[in-house]
Amino acid sequence: MSIAKRFIVIFVVLVGCVGCDQTTKSIAQSYLPSTVAWSFLGDTVRLQLTHNAGAFLGLGNSMPEFWRHLIFNVGGTALLFGLLGYALLAKQLHPLGVFAIALFFAGGVSNVIDRWAYGGYVVDFINVGIGPVRTGIFNFADMFIMAGGAILLASELHRKWFLTMCSRRPR
C-alpha cells in the first residue's frame, strides 16, 4: 500500500473518530451530571460525566501534576507522532494493520486533544456492565483505541496461525 493511500486511510479514520468522540464529549459535558449516573437498558449502560486526569482506569491519577503533564500530554503526543510515522512508512504493514493503527491513533489524538484543551484531563462518560460487574468509565476514543488494538492482535494471531499451518509438512 502506497504512502498516499495510507495517508488517506489514516486521515479519514482520524476525522471520523475524532469528530465522533469530540462531539459526544461535548454533549456529555453539556447535559450529563457528574454526581449521578443516568441508567439505560436495565442498568446495562450508565452515563455519568467524569474528568480523568490519569490514563486507563485512572492509572496515574495521583501523580504530581508535572509528571502527569510530562507523561500524558508530552509523552502521549510524542508517542502518537511515532505511531503515525510507523503507520505511514512500515513497508511490511498490511492494509488491515494500517486501519487498526489508524483507529488507535485517532483515539489517542482525541484524548490528547482533551488533555491539552482541558488542563490535563480527559472527559469520560460511559460505563457498561451487569450488576456489580462493570467497566471503568470511558469514552468513544477509548473504544477506538481498544478496537485498533484488538484488530492488530487478531490479525497477528491469525498470521502466526496461518504461517504455522503452512509450515507443517504432511507425514
N, C-alpha and C. Protein backbone atom coordinates (compact mmCIF):
# COMPACT_ATOMS: atom_id res chain seq x y z
N MET A 1 0.85 -1.17 0.00
CA MET A 1 0.00 0.00 0.00
C MET A 1 0.90 1.24 0.00
N SER A 2 0.63 2.17 -0.89
CA SER A 2 1.46 3.36 -1.02
C SER A 2 1.26 4.29 0.18
N ILE A 3 2.21 5.20 0.36
CA ILE A 3 2.12 6.16 1.46
C ILE A 3 0.89 7.05 1.27
N ALA A 4 0.59 7.41 0.03
CA ALA A 4 -0.59 8.26 -0.23
C ALA A 4 -1.88 7.55 0.19
N LYS A 5 -2.01 6.28 -0.14
CA LYS A 5 -3.20 5.52 0.25
C LYS A 5 -3.26 5.36 1.77
N ARG A 6 -2.12 5.11 2.40
CA ARG A 6 -2.08 5.01 3.86
C ARG A 6 -2.52 6.32 4.49
N PHE A 7 -2.03 7.43 3.94
CA PHE A 7 -2.38 8.74 4.47
C PHE A 7 -3.89 8.97 4.38
N ILE A 8 -4.48 8.59 3.26
CA ILE A 8 -5.93 8.77 3.07
C ILE A 8 -6.71 7.95 4.09
N VAL A 9 -6.32 6.69 4.28
CA VAL A 9 -6.99 5.84 5.26
C VAL A 9 -6.89 6.46 6.65
N ILE A 10 -5.68 6.85 7.02
CA ILE A 10 -5.46 7.42 8.35
C ILE A 10 -6.25 8.72 8.51
N PHE A 11 -6.24 9.56 7.49
CA PHE A 11 -6.95 10.84 7.56
C PHE A 11 -8.45 10.65 7.71
N VAL A 12 -9.03 9.75 6.93
CA VAL A 12 -10.48 9.51 7.01
C VAL A 12 -10.86 8.95 8.37
N VAL A 13 -10.10 7.98 8.86
CA VAL A 13 -10.38 7.41 10.19
C VAL A 13 -10.20 8.48 11.27
N LEU A 14 -9.15 9.27 11.14
CA LEU A 14 -8.87 10.32 12.12
C LEU A 14 -10.01 11.33 12.19
N VAL A 15 -10.44 11.84 11.05
CA VAL A 15 -11.51 12.84 11.03
C VAL A 15 -12.81 12.26 11.59
N GLY A 16 -13.15 11.05 11.16
CA GLY A 16 -14.39 10.42 11.62
C GLY A 16 -14.38 10.12 13.11
N CYS A 17 -13.30 9.53 13.58
CA CYS A 17 -13.23 9.13 15.00
C CYS A 17 -13.11 10.33 15.93
N VAL A 18 -12.24 11.28 15.59
CA VAL A 18 -12.07 12.45 16.45
C VAL A 18 -13.36 13.27 16.44
N GLY A 19 -13.98 13.40 15.28
CA GLY A 19 -15.25 14.13 15.21
C GLY A 19 -16.32 13.49 16.08
N CYS A 20 -16.45 12.17 15.99
CA CYS A 20 -17.43 11.44 16.80
C CYS A 20 -17.12 11.59 18.29
N ASP A 21 -15.87 11.38 18.67
CA ASP A 21 -15.50 11.43 20.08
C ASP A 21 -15.66 12.83 20.66
N GLN A 22 -15.17 13.83 19.97
CA GLN A 22 -15.26 15.20 20.49
C GLN A 22 -16.71 15.68 20.56
N THR A 23 -17.54 15.27 19.60
CA THR A 23 -18.95 15.64 19.62
C THR A 23 -19.65 15.01 20.82
N THR A 24 -19.42 13.72 21.05
CA THR A 24 -20.08 13.05 22.18
C THR A 24 -19.58 13.60 23.51
N LYS A 25 -18.31 13.96 23.59
CA LYS A 25 -17.78 14.55 24.82
C LYS A 25 -18.41 15.92 25.07
N SER A 26 -18.59 16.68 24.02
CA SER A 26 -19.22 17.99 24.15
C SER A 26 -20.66 17.86 24.64
N ILE A 27 -21.38 16.91 24.08
CA ILE A 27 -22.76 16.66 24.51
C ILE A 27 -22.78 16.19 25.96
N ALA A 28 -21.87 15.30 26.31
CA ALA A 28 -21.80 14.80 27.69
C ALA A 28 -21.54 15.94 28.66
N GLN A 29 -20.63 16.83 28.33
CA GLN A 29 -20.32 17.94 29.23
C GLN A 29 -21.49 18.92 29.35
N SER A 30 -22.29 19.01 28.30
CA SER A 30 -23.42 19.93 28.32
C SER A 30 -24.62 19.39 29.09
N TYR A 31 -24.83 18.08 29.05
CA TYR A 31 -26.07 17.52 29.57
C TYR A 31 -25.94 16.56 30.74
N LEU A 32 -24.80 15.91 30.90
CA LEU A 32 -24.70 14.88 31.95
C LEU A 32 -24.24 15.45 33.28
N PRO A 33 -24.86 15.00 34.37
CA PRO A 33 -24.38 15.41 35.69
C PRO A 33 -23.17 14.57 36.09
N SER A 34 -22.34 15.13 36.95
CA SER A 34 -21.19 14.36 37.44
C SER A 34 -21.51 13.69 38.77
N THR A 35 -22.64 14.02 39.36
CA THR A 35 -22.97 13.48 40.68
C THR A 35 -23.83 12.23 40.64
N VAL A 36 -24.57 12.04 39.54
CA VAL A 36 -25.47 10.88 39.46
C VAL A 36 -25.39 10.30 38.05
N ALA A 37 -25.50 8.98 37.96
CA ALA A 37 -25.46 8.31 36.66
C ALA A 37 -26.86 8.16 36.09
N TRP A 38 -26.97 8.36 34.79
CA TRP A 38 -28.21 8.06 34.08
C TRP A 38 -28.13 6.60 33.66
N SER A 39 -29.16 5.84 33.89
CA SER A 39 -29.17 4.41 33.63
C SER A 39 -30.07 4.07 32.45
N PHE A 40 -29.59 3.16 31.58
CA PHE A 40 -30.33 2.73 30.40
C PHE A 40 -30.23 1.21 30.24
N LEU A 41 -31.19 0.65 29.54
CA LEU A 41 -31.20 -0.78 29.21
C LEU A 41 -31.05 -1.65 30.45
N GLY A 42 -31.90 -1.41 31.42
CA GLY A 42 -31.87 -2.21 32.65
C GLY A 42 -30.57 -2.06 33.41
N ASP A 43 -30.01 -0.89 33.41
CA ASP A 43 -28.75 -0.55 34.09
C ASP A 43 -27.53 -1.21 33.46
N THR A 44 -27.67 -1.65 32.21
CA THR A 44 -26.51 -2.19 31.50
C THR A 44 -25.58 -1.07 31.06
N VAL A 45 -26.15 0.07 30.70
CA VAL A 45 -25.37 1.24 30.28
C VAL A 45 -25.66 2.38 31.25
N ARG A 46 -24.60 2.98 31.74
CA ARG A 46 -24.73 4.16 32.59
C ARG A 46 -23.94 5.30 31.96
N LEU A 47 -24.52 6.49 31.99
CA LEU A 47 -23.84 7.69 31.52
C LEU A 47 -23.64 8.63 32.70
N GLN A 48 -22.37 8.99 32.95
CA GLN A 48 -22.04 9.89 34.04
C GLN A 48 -20.75 10.61 33.69
N LEU A 49 -20.76 11.91 33.80
CA LEU A 49 -19.61 12.73 33.44
C LEU A 49 -18.51 12.61 34.49
N THR A 50 -17.29 12.32 34.04
CA THR A 50 -16.12 12.35 34.91
C THR A 50 -14.97 12.98 34.16
N HIS A 51 -14.03 13.49 34.91
CA HIS A 51 -12.80 14.06 34.34
C HIS A 51 -11.64 13.21 34.83
N ASN A 52 -10.99 12.53 33.92
CA ASN A 52 -9.93 11.58 34.25
C ASN A 52 -8.57 12.22 33.98
N ALA A 53 -7.85 12.52 35.05
CA ALA A 53 -6.51 13.10 34.90
C ALA A 53 -5.46 12.02 34.66
N GLY A 54 -5.82 10.76 34.85
CA GLY A 54 -4.88 9.66 34.66
C GLY A 54 -5.05 9.01 33.30
N ALA A 55 -4.59 7.80 33.21
CA ALA A 55 -4.71 7.02 31.98
C ALA A 55 -5.85 6.02 32.17
N PHE A 56 -5.73 4.86 31.56
CA PHE A 56 -6.72 3.79 31.63
C PHE A 56 -7.13 3.53 33.08
N LEU A 57 -8.43 3.62 33.37
CA LEU A 57 -8.99 3.40 34.70
C LEU A 57 -8.37 4.31 35.77
N GLY A 58 -7.94 5.50 35.37
CA GLY A 58 -7.39 6.45 36.32
C GLY A 58 -5.96 6.19 36.73
N LEU A 59 -5.28 5.26 36.05
CA LEU A 59 -3.89 4.95 36.38
C LEU A 59 -3.04 6.22 36.26
N GLY A 60 -2.33 6.57 37.29
CA GLY A 60 -1.50 7.77 37.30
C GLY A 60 -2.23 9.01 37.77
N ASN A 61 -3.47 8.85 38.16
CA ASN A 61 -4.30 9.98 38.59
C ASN A 61 -3.71 10.72 39.78
N SER A 62 -3.02 10.00 40.66
CA SER A 62 -2.49 10.61 41.88
C SER A 62 -1.06 11.12 41.72
N MET A 63 -0.50 11.02 40.52
CA MET A 63 0.86 11.52 40.29
C MET A 63 0.88 13.05 40.41
N PRO A 64 2.03 13.62 40.74
CA PRO A 64 2.12 15.09 40.73
C PRO A 64 1.80 15.63 39.33
N GLU A 65 1.20 16.82 39.31
CA GLU A 65 0.75 17.41 38.04
C GLU A 65 1.88 17.52 37.00
N PHE A 66 3.08 17.88 37.41
CA PHE A 66 4.21 18.00 36.48
C PHE A 66 4.45 16.68 35.74
N TRP A 67 4.47 15.58 36.48
CA TRP A 67 4.75 14.28 35.87
C TRP A 67 3.60 13.80 35.01
N ARG A 68 2.36 14.05 35.46
CA ARG A 68 1.20 13.70 34.63
C ARG A 68 1.26 14.44 33.30
N HIS A 69 1.56 15.74 33.36
CA HIS A 69 1.66 16.54 32.14
C HIS A 69 2.77 16.00 31.23
N LEU A 70 3.92 15.75 31.82
CA LEU A 70 5.05 15.27 31.03
C LEU A 70 4.76 13.91 30.39
N ILE A 71 4.20 13.00 31.15
CA ILE A 71 3.94 11.64 30.64
C ILE A 71 2.75 11.61 29.70
N PHE A 72 1.62 12.16 30.11
CA PHE A 72 0.39 12.01 29.33
C PHE A 72 0.26 13.02 28.20
N ASN A 73 0.57 14.28 28.44
CA ASN A 73 0.44 15.28 27.38
C ASN A 73 1.63 15.21 26.42
N VAL A 74 2.83 15.42 26.95
CA VAL A 74 4.02 15.48 26.10
C VAL A 74 4.37 14.09 25.57
N GLY A 75 4.45 13.11 26.47
CA GLY A 75 4.79 11.75 26.05
C GLY A 75 3.74 11.15 25.14
N GLY A 76 2.46 11.38 25.45
CA GLY A 76 1.39 10.87 24.59
C GLY A 76 1.44 11.46 23.19
N THR A 77 1.72 12.76 23.11
CA THR A 77 1.83 13.41 21.80
C THR A 77 3.01 12.84 21.02
N ALA A 78 4.14 12.67 21.67
CA ALA A 78 5.32 12.10 21.00
C ALA A 78 5.06 10.68 20.53
N LEU A 79 4.41 9.88 21.37
CA LEU A 79 4.08 8.50 21.01
C LEU A 79 3.18 8.47 19.78
N LEU A 80 2.21 9.39 19.72
CA LEU A 80 1.30 9.43 18.57
C LEU A 80 2.03 9.80 17.28
N PHE A 81 2.99 10.72 17.34
CA PHE A 81 3.77 11.05 16.15
C PHE A 81 4.58 9.84 15.68
N GLY A 82 5.15 9.08 16.63
CA GLY A 82 5.88 7.87 16.28
C GLY A 82 4.98 6.82 15.65
N LEU A 83 3.80 6.67 16.20
CA LEU A 83 2.82 5.71 15.67
C LEU A 83 2.39 6.10 14.26
N LEU A 84 2.17 7.39 14.04
CA LEU A 84 1.81 7.87 12.70
C LEU A 84 2.93 7.59 11.70
N GLY A 85 4.16 7.85 12.09
CA GLY A 85 5.30 7.57 11.22
C GLY A 85 5.38 6.10 10.87
N TYR A 86 5.18 5.24 11.85
CA TYR A 86 5.20 3.80 11.60
C TYR A 86 4.10 3.39 10.63
N ALA A 87 2.89 3.89 10.87
CA ALA A 87 1.76 3.53 10.00
C ALA A 87 1.98 3.98 8.57
N LEU A 88 2.65 5.11 8.39
CA LEU A 88 2.89 5.63 7.04
C LEU A 88 4.06 4.95 6.34
N LEU A 89 5.08 4.55 7.09
CA LEU A 89 6.34 4.13 6.47
C LEU A 89 6.68 2.65 6.55
N ALA A 90 6.07 1.89 7.44
CA ALA A 90 6.42 0.47 7.59
C ALA A 90 5.94 -0.32 6.37
N LYS A 91 6.87 -0.77 5.57
CA LYS A 91 6.54 -1.45 4.31
C LYS A 91 5.83 -2.79 4.51
N GLN A 92 6.15 -3.50 5.59
CA GLN A 92 5.57 -4.82 5.81
C GLN A 92 4.16 -4.76 6.40
N LEU A 93 3.67 -3.57 6.72
CA LEU A 93 2.37 -3.42 7.36
C LEU A 93 1.24 -3.65 6.36
N HIS A 94 0.38 -4.60 6.68
CA HIS A 94 -0.78 -4.96 5.86
C HIS A 94 -1.83 -3.84 5.94
N PRO A 95 -2.67 -3.67 4.91
CA PRO A 95 -3.72 -2.63 4.97
C PRO A 95 -4.61 -2.71 6.22
N LEU A 96 -4.91 -3.92 6.68
CA LEU A 96 -5.69 -4.05 7.90
C LEU A 96 -4.92 -3.49 9.10
N GLY A 97 -3.62 -3.69 9.10
CA GLY A 97 -2.78 -3.12 10.15
C GLY A 97 -2.77 -1.60 10.11
N VAL A 98 -2.77 -1.04 8.90
CA VAL A 98 -2.83 0.42 8.76
C VAL A 98 -4.15 0.93 9.35
N PHE A 99 -5.24 0.25 9.03
CA PHE A 99 -6.55 0.64 9.56
C PHE A 99 -6.58 0.53 11.08
N ALA A 100 -6.04 -0.55 11.61
CA ALA A 100 -6.04 -0.76 13.07
C ALA A 100 -5.21 0.33 13.75
N ILE A 101 -4.05 0.63 13.21
CA ILE A 101 -3.21 1.68 13.80
C ILE A 101 -3.89 3.03 13.65
N ALA A 102 -4.62 3.25 12.55
CA ALA A 102 -5.35 4.50 12.37
C ALA A 102 -6.41 4.66 13.46
N LEU A 103 -7.11 3.58 13.82
CA LEU A 103 -8.09 3.64 14.91
C LEU A 103 -7.40 3.98 16.24
N PHE A 104 -6.31 3.30 16.51
CA PHE A 104 -5.55 3.53 17.73
C PHE A 104 -5.06 4.97 17.78
N PHE A 105 -4.52 5.44 16.65
CA PHE A 105 -4.01 6.80 16.53
C PHE A 105 -5.12 7.83 16.74
N ALA A 106 -6.26 7.63 16.10
CA ALA A 106 -7.37 8.58 16.20
C ALA A 106 -7.89 8.69 17.63
N GLY A 107 -8.04 7.55 18.30
CA GLY A 107 -8.48 7.58 19.69
C GLY A 107 -7.47 8.30 20.57
N GLY A 108 -6.21 8.03 20.33
CA GLY A 108 -5.16 8.71 21.10
C GLY A 108 -5.14 10.21 20.84
N VAL A 109 -5.29 10.60 19.59
CA VAL A 109 -5.31 12.03 19.25
C VAL A 109 -6.46 12.72 19.96
N SER A 110 -7.64 12.11 19.95
CA SER A 110 -8.80 12.75 20.57
C SER A 110 -8.61 12.90 22.08
N ASN A 111 -8.03 11.90 22.73
CA ASN A 111 -7.77 12.02 24.16
C ASN A 111 -6.67 13.04 24.45
N VAL A 112 -5.67 13.12 23.60
CA VAL A 112 -4.61 14.11 23.78
C VAL A 112 -5.16 15.52 23.55
N ILE A 113 -6.09 15.66 22.61
CA ILE A 113 -6.75 16.96 22.43
C ILE A 113 -7.40 17.39 23.74
N ASP A 114 -8.11 16.46 24.39
CA ASP A 114 -8.72 16.77 25.69
C ASP A 114 -7.67 17.22 26.70
N ARG A 115 -6.60 16.48 26.80
CA ARG A 115 -5.56 16.80 27.79
C ARG A 115 -5.01 18.20 27.59
N TRP A 116 -4.73 18.56 26.34
CA TRP A 116 -4.19 19.90 26.07
C TRP A 116 -5.26 20.97 26.27
N ALA A 117 -6.50 20.69 25.88
CA ALA A 117 -7.57 21.69 25.95
C ALA A 117 -8.10 21.90 27.37
N TYR A 118 -8.12 20.85 28.18
CA TYR A 118 -8.75 20.93 29.50
C TYR A 118 -7.77 20.88 30.66
N GLY A 119 -6.54 21.19 30.41
CA GLY A 119 -5.58 21.26 31.51
C GLY A 119 -5.16 19.92 32.08
N GLY A 120 -5.14 18.89 31.25
CA GLY A 120 -4.58 17.61 31.67
C GLY A 120 -5.57 16.50 31.91
N TYR A 121 -6.85 16.74 31.77
CA TYR A 121 -7.80 15.65 31.98
C TYR A 121 -8.53 15.28 30.70
N VAL A 122 -9.10 14.08 30.70
CA VAL A 122 -9.89 13.55 29.59
C VAL A 122 -11.33 13.43 30.07
N VAL A 123 -12.26 13.76 29.19
CA VAL A 123 -13.68 13.64 29.50
C VAL A 123 -14.11 12.19 29.27
N ASP A 124 -14.64 11.55 30.31
CA ASP A 124 -15.18 10.19 30.22
C ASP A 124 -16.64 10.23 30.65
N PHE A 125 -17.45 9.29 30.11
CA PHE A 125 -18.87 9.36 30.46
C PHE A 125 -19.65 8.06 30.26
N ILE A 126 -19.05 6.98 29.81
CA ILE A 126 -19.77 5.74 29.54
C ILE A 126 -19.29 4.65 30.50
N ASN A 127 -20.24 3.89 31.04
CA ASN A 127 -19.93 2.75 31.89
C ASN A 127 -20.91 1.64 31.52
N VAL A 128 -20.41 0.44 31.29
CA VAL A 128 -21.29 -0.68 30.96
C VAL A 128 -21.02 -1.84 31.91
N GLY A 129 -22.03 -2.70 32.05
CA GLY A 129 -21.87 -3.86 32.89
C GLY A 129 -23.20 -4.47 33.27
N ILE A 130 -23.10 -5.55 34.00
CA ILE A 130 -24.28 -6.24 34.51
C ILE A 130 -24.09 -6.40 36.00
N GLY A 131 -25.03 -5.82 36.75
CA GLY A 131 -24.94 -5.89 38.21
C GLY A 131 -23.65 -5.26 38.70
N PRO A 132 -22.93 -5.97 39.58
CA PRO A 132 -21.70 -5.40 40.12
C PRO A 132 -20.50 -5.53 39.18
N VAL A 133 -20.63 -6.28 38.09
CA VAL A 133 -19.53 -6.46 37.15
C VAL A 133 -19.62 -5.35 36.11
N ARG A 134 -18.76 -4.34 36.24
CA ARG A 134 -18.84 -3.15 35.41
C ARG A 134 -17.45 -2.75 34.91
N THR A 135 -17.45 -2.03 33.82
CA THR A 135 -16.21 -1.46 33.31
C THR A 135 -15.91 -0.19 34.09
N GLY A 136 -14.73 0.37 33.86
CA GLY A 136 -14.47 1.72 34.32
C GLY A 136 -15.23 2.69 33.42
N ILE A 137 -15.20 3.95 33.76
CA ILE A 137 -15.87 4.95 32.92
C ILE A 137 -14.91 5.33 31.79
N PHE A 138 -15.43 5.34 30.56
CA PHE A 138 -14.60 5.56 29.38
C PHE A 138 -15.33 6.45 28.39
N ASN A 139 -14.74 6.62 27.20
CA ASN A 139 -15.33 7.44 26.15
C ASN A 139 -15.16 6.74 24.80
N PHE A 140 -15.63 7.35 23.74
CA PHE A 140 -15.53 6.74 22.42
C PHE A 140 -14.07 6.59 21.97
N ALA A 141 -13.22 7.54 22.30
CA ALA A 141 -11.81 7.44 21.93
C ALA A 141 -11.20 6.17 22.50
N ASP A 142 -11.56 5.84 23.73
CA ASP A 142 -11.06 4.61 24.36
C ASP A 142 -11.53 3.38 23.59
N MET A 143 -12.77 3.43 23.08
CA MET A 143 -13.29 2.31 22.28
C MET A 143 -12.52 2.18 20.97
N PHE A 144 -12.16 3.31 20.35
CA PHE A 144 -11.39 3.25 19.11
C PHE A 144 -10.00 2.68 19.38
N ILE A 145 -9.39 3.08 20.49
CA ILE A 145 -8.08 2.54 20.86
C ILE A 145 -8.16 1.03 21.08
N MET A 146 -9.17 0.59 21.82
CA MET A 146 -9.34 -0.84 22.08
C MET A 146 -9.63 -1.61 20.80
N ALA A 147 -10.46 -1.05 19.93
CA ALA A 147 -10.77 -1.72 18.66
C ALA A 147 -9.52 -1.86 17.81
N GLY A 148 -8.72 -0.80 17.73
CA GLY A 148 -7.47 -0.87 16.97
C GLY A 148 -6.53 -1.92 17.53
N GLY A 149 -6.40 -1.95 18.85
CA GLY A 149 -5.55 -2.96 19.49
C GLY A 149 -6.06 -4.36 19.27
N ALA A 150 -7.38 -4.55 19.34
CA ALA A 150 -7.97 -5.88 19.13
C ALA A 150 -7.77 -6.35 17.69
N ILE A 151 -7.93 -5.45 16.74
CA ILE A 151 -7.72 -5.81 15.33
C ILE A 151 -6.26 -6.18 15.09
N LEU A 152 -5.33 -5.40 15.65
CA LEU A 152 -3.90 -5.73 15.50
C LEU A 152 -3.58 -7.08 16.11
N LEU A 153 -4.09 -7.34 17.30
CA LEU A 153 -3.84 -8.61 17.97
C LEU A 153 -4.43 -9.77 17.18
N ALA A 154 -5.67 -9.63 16.74
CA ALA A 154 -6.33 -10.71 15.99
C ALA A 154 -5.61 -10.97 14.67
N SER A 155 -5.20 -9.92 13.99
CA SER A 155 -4.52 -10.13 12.70
C SER A 155 -3.15 -10.78 12.90
N GLU A 156 -2.47 -10.43 13.98
CA GLU A 156 -1.17 -11.05 14.26
C GLU A 156 -1.33 -12.51 14.65
N LEU A 157 -2.33 -12.81 15.48
CA LEU A 157 -2.57 -14.20 15.85
C LEU A 157 -2.97 -15.02 14.62
N HIS A 158 -3.78 -14.45 13.75
CA HIS A 158 -4.18 -15.15 12.53
C HIS A 158 -2.98 -15.39 11.62
N ARG A 159 -2.11 -14.39 11.50
CA ARG A 159 -0.90 -14.53 10.67
C ARG A 159 0.00 -15.63 11.21
N LYS A 160 0.21 -15.66 12.52
CA LYS A 160 1.06 -16.69 13.11
C LYS A 160 0.43 -18.07 12.95
N TRP A 161 -0.88 -18.18 13.12
CA TRP A 161 -1.57 -19.45 12.93
C TRP A 161 -1.42 -19.90 11.48
N PHE A 162 -1.62 -18.98 10.54
CA PHE A 162 -1.52 -19.31 9.12
C PHE A 162 -0.10 -19.77 8.77
N LEU A 163 0.91 -19.07 9.27
CA LEU A 163 2.30 -19.47 8.99
C LEU A 163 2.62 -20.82 9.60
N THR A 164 2.08 -21.10 10.78
CA THR A 164 2.29 -22.40 11.43
C THR A 164 1.65 -23.50 10.60
N MET A 165 0.43 -23.27 10.13
CA MET A 165 -0.27 -24.28 9.36
C MET A 165 0.41 -24.52 8.01
N CYS A 166 0.91 -23.47 7.40
CA CYS A 166 1.58 -23.62 6.10
C CYS A 166 2.94 -24.28 6.22
N SER A 167 3.59 -24.16 7.38
CA SER A 167 4.92 -24.73 7.53
C SER A 167 4.89 -26.21 7.92
N ARG A 168 3.75 -26.73 8.25
CA ARG A 168 3.67 -28.17 8.61
C ARG A 168 3.77 -29.01 7.36
N ARG A 169 4.52 -30.05 7.48
CA ARG A 169 4.67 -30.97 6.34
C ARG A 169 3.78 -32.18 6.56
N PRO A 170 3.17 -32.64 5.48
CA PRO A 170 2.36 -33.88 5.62
C PRO A 170 3.29 -35.05 5.97
N ARG A 171 2.80 -35.97 6.76
CA ARG A 171 3.62 -37.13 7.17
C ARG A 171 3.33 -38.33 6.36
